[in-house]
């Protein structure tokens, strides 16, 4: 089952970073958030990826084209018989990555439609900015069991604000970005049967959530897998700082 990752948006609310790189290439630690997402899927055995590129997509292509250079020790011999030797290690990812230019201004539904030729059977879709500790195998089992066209993941997000517990004006507890206990929102991590492409079209204004998912809902073909663990979207610079702090403290909940 291939994993399609939407990597084409401009990330305007993260302009501090996305002025220079596409949003999925903003780093958590030393690796782009895109790498962290792919690493999570690969942990469950899903290592074939299709990346829907758009805004500054060449940055993503160049990153993976030179990935071996980025990830390993290298010996360079200069002179007329110039040679480059890459000293591989056991940590090199065994991934197959298809990168498709789907247009800079294209909406998500059209991006997905443009990669149909690379899809053979049921496939997964996720956004290029969402981190979670979701069990992908449980999600797949849920999808296969109900037999409908589509599965989406519902999550309980973290608050954008710190939560204070106080008594008589004295702060007893403070939690930055606490997790809501109630309410479920779209957390991405979709699975679709191939017939989902019938709900899309190649026009650049074909959306994903508005239109196709609404139609599936009307037809009773969209099911939700409720993930009760952690999830966060890197939507703003503040989110980026928060995720990097979790990584530095060894509290990265998405790390397999």
Protein backbone atom coordinates (compact mmCIF):
# COMPACT_ATOMS: atom_id res chain seq x y z
CA UNK A 1 0.00 0.00 0.00
CA UNK A 2 1.60 3.26 -1.12
CA UNK A 3 1.64 6.41 0.99
CA UNK A 4 0.73 9.68 -0.76
CA UNK A 5 1.93 12.81 1.04
CA UNK A 6 0.58 16.26 0.16
CA UNK A 7 3.65 18.51 -0.02
CA UNK A 8 2.55 21.32 -2.33
CA UNK A 9 1.06 24.05 -0.15
CA UNK A 10 2.72 27.41 0.44
CA UNK A 11 2.45 27.35 4.25
CA UNK A 12 1.66 31.06 4.50
CA UNK A 13 1.19 30.96 8.28
CA UNK A 14 4.74 29.67 8.67
CA UNK A 15 6.27 32.38 6.48
CA UNK A 16 9.36 32.67 8.71
CA UNK A 17 10.42 29.29 7.34
CA UNK A 18 8.47 28.79 4.10
CA UNK A 19 9.86 31.87 2.43
CA UNK A 20 12.95 29.74 1.79
CA UNK A 21 11.66 26.14 1.68
CA UNK A 22 8.38 24.22 1.33
CA UNK A 23 6.60 23.59 4.62
CA UNK A 24 7.33 19.82 4.70
CA UNK A 25 11.05 20.68 4.68
CA UNK A 26 10.93 22.71 7.90
CA UNK A 27 13.14 20.84 10.34
CA UNK A 28 12.45 19.10 13.61
CA UNK A 29 15.90 18.48 15.02
CA UNK A 30 18.18 17.84 12.05
CA UNK A 31 15.56 16.33 9.73
CA UNK A 32 12.59 17.82 7.83
CA UNK A 33 9.12 17.13 9.21
CA UNK A 34 8.50 15.21 5.95
CA UNK A 35 11.26 12.76 6.93
CA UNK A 36 9.68 12.25 10.36
CA UNK A 37 6.31 11.46 8.76
CA UNK A 38 7.86 8.99 6.32
CA UNK A 39 9.89 7.40 9.10
CA UNK A 40 6.68 6.76 11.04
CA UNK A 41 5.03 4.97 8.11
CA UNK A 42 8.20 3.01 7.39
CA UNK A 43 8.25 1.79 10.99
CA UNK A 44 5.03 -0.11 10.17
CA UNK A 45 6.44 -1.49 6.91
CA UNK A 46 5.07 1.07 4.46
CA UNK A 47 8.07 2.41 2.56
CA UNK A 48 6.72 3.30 -0.89
CA UNK A 49 5.92 7.01 -1.06
CA UNK A 50 4.38 9.32 -3.65
CA UNK A 51 5.02 13.00 -2.91
CA UNK A 52 2.66 15.59 -4.43
CA UNK A 53 4.97 18.55 -5.00
CA UNK A 54 4.10 22.18 -5.64
CA UNK A 55 5.57 25.27 -4.02
CA UNK A 56 9.39 25.00 -4.08
CA UNK A 57 9.10 21.32 -4.92
CA UNK A 58 12.65 21.32 -6.29
CA UNK A 59 13.93 21.62 -2.71
CA UNK A 60 12.34 18.25 -1.87
CA UNK A 61 13.66 16.64 -5.06
CA UNK A 62 17.18 17.84 -4.38
CA UNK A 63 17.04 16.71 -0.75
CA UNK A 64 16.20 13.10 -1.61
CA UNK A 65 18.42 13.03 -4.71
CA UNK A 66 21.37 13.91 -2.47
CA UNK A 67 20.07 11.99 0.54
CA UNK A 68 23.01 9.59 0.66
CA UNK A 69 25.38 12.55 0.82
CA UNK A 70 23.35 14.13 3.62
CA UNK A 71 23.11 10.96 5.69
CA UNK A 72 26.51 9.26 5.46
CA UNK A 73 30.22 9.84 5.75
CA UNK A 74 31.75 10.80 2.41
CA UNK A 75 35.26 10.67 0.95
CA UNK A 76 35.94 13.03 -1.96
CA UNK A 77 39.02 12.57 -4.15
CA UNK A 78 39.87 15.73 -6.04
CA UNK A 79 41.85 16.13 -9.25
CA UNK A 80 41.35 14.91 -12.81
CA UNK A 81 40.10 11.47 -11.70
CA UNK A 82 37.64 12.98 -9.21
CA UNK A 83 35.71 10.37 -7.23
CA UNK A 84 33.12 10.37 -4.48
CA UNK A 85 32.85 7.42 -2.10
CA UNK A 86 29.79 7.16 0.17
CA UNK A 87 30.37 5.11 3.29
CA UNK A 88 26.95 3.54 3.91
CA UNK A 89 25.69 2.68 7.37
CA UNK A 90 22.86 0.54 8.71
CA UNK A 91 20.59 3.55 9.25
CA UNK A 92 20.00 4.32 5.57
CA UNK A 93 16.27 4.16 4.85
CA UNK A 94 15.04 1.56 2.34
CA UNK A 95 12.46 3.85 0.76
CA UNK A 96 11.06 4.16 -2.75
CA UNK A 97 10.06 7.77 -3.38
CA UNK A 98 8.15 9.02 -6.41
CA UNK A 99 8.11 12.83 -6.58
CA UNK A 100 5.44 14.37 -8.82
CA UNK A 101 5.16 18.04 -9.75
CA UNK A 102 1.43 18.69 -9.31
CA UNK A 103 1.49 22.48 -9.76
CA UNK A 104 2.12 25.42 -7.47
CA UNK A 105 -1.48 26.71 -7.22
CA UNK A 106 -3.26 23.34 -7.52
CA UNK A 107 -5.80 22.37 -4.86
CA UNK A 108 -5.36 19.07 -3.02
CA UNK A 109 -7.95 17.03 -4.91
CA UNK A 110 -6.32 17.82 -8.24
CA UNK A 111 -2.89 17.00 -6.80
CA UNK A 112 -4.15 13.56 -5.82
CA UNK A 113 -5.75 13.04 -9.23
CA UNK A 114 -2.45 13.81 -10.95
CA UNK A 115 -0.67 10.90 -9.21
CA UNK A 116 -3.33 8.26 -10.07
CA UNK A 117 -1.04 6.54 -12.58
CA UNK A 118 1.34 5.62 -9.76
CA UNK A 119 -1.37 3.91 -7.67
CA UNK A 120 -2.27 0.25 -8.14
CA UNK A 121 -4.65 -0.58 -5.29
CA UNK A 122 -5.77 0.82 -1.92
CA UNK A 123 -3.52 3.69 -0.86
CA UNK A 124 -2.92 6.06 2.03
CA UNK A 125 -2.86 9.85 2.07
CA UNK A 126 -1.58 12.23 4.70
CA UNK A 127 -0.65 15.89 4.99
CA UNK A 128 2.97 17.03 5.02
CA UNK A 129 2.72 18.81 8.37
CA UNK A 130 0.95 16.48 10.82
CA UNK A 131 2.74 14.49 13.53
CA UNK A 132 1.15 11.63 15.48
CA UNK A 133 1.82 8.41 17.34
CA UNK A 134 -0.97 6.66 15.43
CA UNK A 135 -0.68 2.88 14.95
CA UNK A 136 -0.76 2.59 11.15
CA UNK A 137 -1.38 -1.17 11.23
CA UNK A 138 -4.49 -0.67 13.37
CA UNK A 139 -5.68 2.00 10.93
CA UNK A 140 -5.22 -0.39 8.00
CA UNK A 141 -7.05 -3.20 9.80
CA UNK A 142 -9.97 -0.85 10.52
CA UNK A 143 -10.14 0.19 6.87
CA UNK A 144 -10.10 -3.37 5.53
CA UNK A 145 -12.72 -4.50 8.00
CA UNK A 146 -15.44 -1.96 7.17
CA UNK A 147 -15.10 -2.26 3.38
CA UNK A 148 -16.07 1.32 2.54
CA UNK A 149 -14.25 3.51 0.02
CA UNK A 150 -12.59 5.81 2.52
CA UNK A 151 -11.21 6.02 6.04
CA UNK A 152 -10.15 9.23 7.73
CA UNK A 153 -8.54 9.63 11.15
CA UNK A 154 -10.24 11.68 13.84
CA UNK A 155 -8.01 13.18 16.52
CA UNK A 156 -8.33 15.31 19.64
CA UNK A 157 -5.90 18.20 19.04
CA UNK A 158 -3.76 20.14 21.46
CA UNK A 159 -4.83 23.62 22.46
CA UNK A 160 -2.96 26.57 20.99
CA UNK A 161 -2.75 28.07 24.48
CA UNK A 162 -1.22 27.04 27.77
CA UNK A 163 -3.55 25.64 30.44
CA UNK A 164 -3.31 26.98 33.99
CA UNK A 165 -4.60 25.36 37.17
CA UNK A 166 -4.73 27.90 40.00
CA UNK A 167 -6.04 28.31 43.54
CA UNK A 168 -6.36 31.64 45.32
CA UNK A 169 -4.28 33.27 42.62
CA UNK A 170 -1.42 30.79 42.97
CA UNK A 171 -0.54 28.72 39.90
CA UNK A 172 -0.55 25.03 40.83
CA UNK A 173 0.10 23.62 37.38
CA UNK A 174 0.89 24.90 33.90
CA UNK A 175 0.78 22.81 30.72
CA UNK A 176 1.86 24.24 27.38
CA UNK A 177 -0.43 23.11 24.54
CA UNK A 178 -2.60 20.71 26.59
CA UNK A 179 -4.47 17.97 24.76
CA UNK A 180 -8.26 18.35 24.49
CA UNK A 181 -10.19 15.43 25.97
CA UNK A 182 -13.32 16.12 23.93
CA UNK A 183 -13.98 16.96 20.31
CA UNK A 184 -12.66 15.22 17.22
CA UNK A 185 -11.19 16.88 14.13
CA UNK A 186 -9.72 15.69 10.84
CA UNK A 187 -6.18 14.54 11.59
CA UNK A 188 -5.35 13.28 8.11
CA UNK A 189 -3.96 9.73 7.89
CA UNK A 190 -6.47 8.61 5.26
CA UNK A 191 -6.88 5.30 3.43
CA UNK A 192 -8.79 5.03 0.15
CA UNK A 193 -9.83 2.38 -2.28
CA UNK A 194 -8.63 3.17 -5.80
CA UNK A 195 -12.21 4.01 -6.87
CA UNK A 196 -11.77 7.27 -4.91
CA UNK A 197 -10.20 8.72 -8.06
CA UNK A 198 -13.71 8.69 -9.58
CA UNK A 199 -14.59 11.48 -7.15
CA UNK A 200 -11.74 13.70 -8.38
CA UNK A 201 -10.96 15.55 -11.59
CA UNK A 202 -7.80 17.05 -13.13
CA UNK A 203 -8.95 20.68 -12.86
CA UNK A 204 -6.64 22.67 -10.60
CA UNK A 205 -9.63 23.92 -8.57
CA UNK A 206 -10.63 20.37 -7.53
CA UNK A 207 -10.45 20.33 -3.75
CA UNK A 208 -10.15 17.35 -1.42
CA UNK A 209 -12.08 17.98 1.78
CA UNK A 210 -14.68 20.24 0.14
CA UNK A 211 -16.43 18.24 -2.54
CA UNK A 212 -14.98 14.70 -2.67
CA UNK A 213 -15.05 13.94 1.07
CA UNK A 214 -18.45 15.61 1.39
CA UNK A 215 -19.80 13.41 -1.41
CA UNK A 216 -18.40 10.27 0.21
CA UNK A 217 -20.09 11.30 3.45
CA UNK A 218 -23.47 11.70 1.72
CA UNK A 219 -23.08 8.23 0.21
CA UNK A 220 -22.12 6.66 3.53
CA UNK A 221 -18.70 5.70 2.16
CA UNK A 222 -16.51 7.61 4.64
CA UNK A 223 -15.58 6.01 7.97
CA UNK A 224 -13.57 7.51 10.82
CA UNK A 225 -10.83 5.85 12.84
CA UNK A 226 -10.63 7.59 16.22
CA UNK A 227 -7.01 7.97 17.29
CA UNK A 228 -6.95 8.78 21.00
CA UNK A 229 -3.20 9.31 21.23
CA UNK A 230 -1.13 12.38 20.44
CA UNK A 231 -1.35 14.51 17.30
CA UNK A 232 -0.26 18.00 16.33
CA UNK A 233 -0.12 20.02 13.15
CA UNK A 234 2.88 22.26 12.48
CA UNK A 235 0.80 25.18 11.29
CA UNK A 236 2.73 28.15 12.67
CA UNK A 237 6.25 29.09 13.73
CA UNK A 238 5.15 28.61 17.33
CA UNK A 239 4.20 25.01 16.52
CA UNK A 240 7.64 24.51 14.95
CA UNK A 241 9.34 25.73 18.12
CA UNK A 242 7.12 23.50 20.28
CA UNK A 243 7.88 20.38 18.21
CA UNK A 244 11.61 21.11 18.25
CA UNK A 245 11.53 21.51 22.02
CA UNK A 246 9.83 18.12 22.37
CA UNK A 247 12.54 16.59 20.17
CA UNK A 248 15.36 18.17 22.18
CA UNK A 249 13.85 16.99 25.48
CA UNK A 250 13.43 13.42 24.22
CA UNK A 251 9.63 13.78 24.40
CA UNK A 252 8.87 13.32 20.69
CA UNK A 253 5.67 11.24 20.91
CA UNK A 254 5.81 10.37 17.19
CA UNK A 255 9.25 8.75 17.39
CA UNK A 256 8.92 4.99 16.81
